[in-house]
Amino acid sequence: MKQKVSSAFLGSLIQQSIAILTAFSFLLPTLSWAFVPGTYPGFVSHNIFNLPDSLGSIGRNRIGTGKTIIYIQDLHCHAEVQKNISGIIRHLTATTGLK
């Protein structure tokens, strides 16, 4: 006994499959054939600066083109934090040549 598959069910199944594949391509871009390591802005496998743990941590970084931009997030009105920021700036200028 052969059962017929409705076209509405088949269309829904195709739409769901495409939605799942699209979601995976955004969530896991490294599995894509077009992924070139180091060029996808959200995935940098290494820190571009080495920062001593005593000064702070690097939350995220991106490799781009053009000028280097460093964003330091701080806690205002705390002397120790302000000293650490000063140390970060001194460390980066001494080790990377940034001005």
Protein backbone atom coordinates (compact mmCIF):
# COMPACT_ATOMS: atom_id res chain seq x y z
CA MET A 1 0.00 0.00 0.00
CA LYS A 2 1.54 3.24 -1.16
CA GLN A 3 0.93 6.51 0.71
CA LYS A 4 1.00 9.91 -0.94
CA VAL A 5 3.12 12.67 0.54
CA SER A 6 1.29 15.97 0.46
CA SER A 7 2.99 18.86 -1.31
CA ALA A 8 2.43 21.09 1.76
CA PHE A 9 4.32 18.62 3.95
CA LEU A 10 7.13 18.33 1.42
CA GLY A 11 7.40 22.12 1.09
CA SER A 12 7.50 22.51 4.88
CA LEU A 13 10.21 19.84 5.14
CA ILE A 14 12.33 21.61 2.52
CA GLN A 15 11.92 24.99 4.27
CA GLN A 16 12.90 23.51 7.63
CA SER A 17 15.96 21.82 6.12
CA ILE A 18 17.11 25.05 4.50
CA ALA A 19 16.56 26.96 7.77
CA ILE A 20 18.65 24.44 9.71
CA LEU A 21 21.47 24.51 7.15
CA THR A 22 21.46 28.33 7.16
CA ALA A 23 21.60 28.44 10.95
CA PHE A 24 24.54 26.02 11.03
CA SER A 25 26.41 28.03 8.40
CA PHE A 26 26.19 31.14 10.62
CA LEU A 27 26.91 29.34 13.88
CA LEU A 28 29.78 27.23 12.56
CA PRO A 29 31.46 29.20 9.75
CA THR A 30 34.67 27.17 10.05
CA LEU A 31 32.81 24.22 8.52
CA SER A 32 32.02 26.23 5.42
CA TRP A 33 34.01 25.63 2.25
CA ALA A 34 34.52 29.40 1.91
CA PHE A 35 36.15 29.86 5.33
CA VAL A 36 39.76 31.05 5.22
CA PRO A 37 41.42 31.01 8.67
CA GLY A 38 42.37 34.46 9.95
CA THR A 39 39.97 36.36 7.70
CA TYR A 40 36.66 35.83 9.46
CA PRO A 41 36.36 38.81 11.83
CA GLY A 42 34.76 36.96 14.71
CA PHE A 43 37.40 34.24 14.88
CA VAL A 44 40.91 35.21 15.83
CA SER A 45 42.77 32.24 17.23
CA HIS A 46 45.49 34.26 18.93
CA ASN A 47 45.93 37.53 20.74
CA ILE A 48 47.59 40.21 18.65
CA PHE A 49 49.12 41.66 21.84
CA ASN A 50 50.74 39.86 24.75
CA LEU A 51 49.50 41.49 27.92
CA PRO A 52 50.78 40.51 31.39
CA ASP A 53 48.01 39.07 33.59
CA SER A 54 48.87 41.60 36.30
CA LEU A 55 47.71 44.44 34.03
CA GLY A 56 44.44 42.99 32.79
CA SER A 57 43.05 40.71 30.12
CA ILE A 58 42.11 40.90 26.47
CA GLY A 59 38.41 40.21 26.10
CA ARG A 60 38.36 39.96 22.33
CA ASN A 61 40.29 41.15 19.33
CA ARG A 62 39.89 41.37 15.61
CA ILE A 63 42.45 41.65 12.88
CA GLY A 64 41.56 44.24 10.30
CA THR A 65 43.22 46.57 7.87
CA GLY A 66 44.33 50.14 8.37
CA LYS A 67 44.89 51.78 11.72
CA THR A 68 45.06 49.87 14.97
CA ILE A 69 42.35 50.75 17.47
CA ILE A 70 42.67 49.75 21.11
CA TYR A 71 39.61 50.04 23.33
CA ILE A 72 40.33 49.80 27.05
CA GLN A 73 37.28 49.25 29.21
CA ASP A 74 37.81 50.49 32.74
CA LEU A 75 36.23 51.08 36.10
CA HIS A 76 36.25 54.83 36.79
CA CYS A 77 37.33 56.37 40.11
CA HIS A 78 39.52 53.45 41.20
CA ALA A 79 43.21 54.29 41.54
CA GLU A 80 44.40 50.70 41.01
CA VAL A 81 42.45 50.38 37.77
CA GLN A 82 43.82 53.69 36.51
CA LYS A 83 47.37 52.49 37.32
CA ASN A 84 46.73 49.28 35.38
CA ILE A 85 45.54 51.29 32.36
CA SER A 86 48.71 53.36 32.54
CA GLY A 87 50.69 50.11 32.69
CA ILE A 88 48.81 48.68 29.69
CA ILE A 89 49.59 51.79 27.63
CA ARG A 90 53.27 51.75 28.67
CA HIS A 91 53.53 48.02 27.94
CA LEU A 92 51.94 48.31 24.49
CA THR A 93 54.08 51.28 23.45
CA ALA A 94 57.24 49.50 24.65
CA THR A 95 56.51 46.11 23.07
CA THR A 96 54.65 46.97 19.88
CA GLY A 97 55.89 50.40 18.84
CA LEU A 98 52.40 51.89 19.06
CA LYS A 99 52.29 55.62 19.70
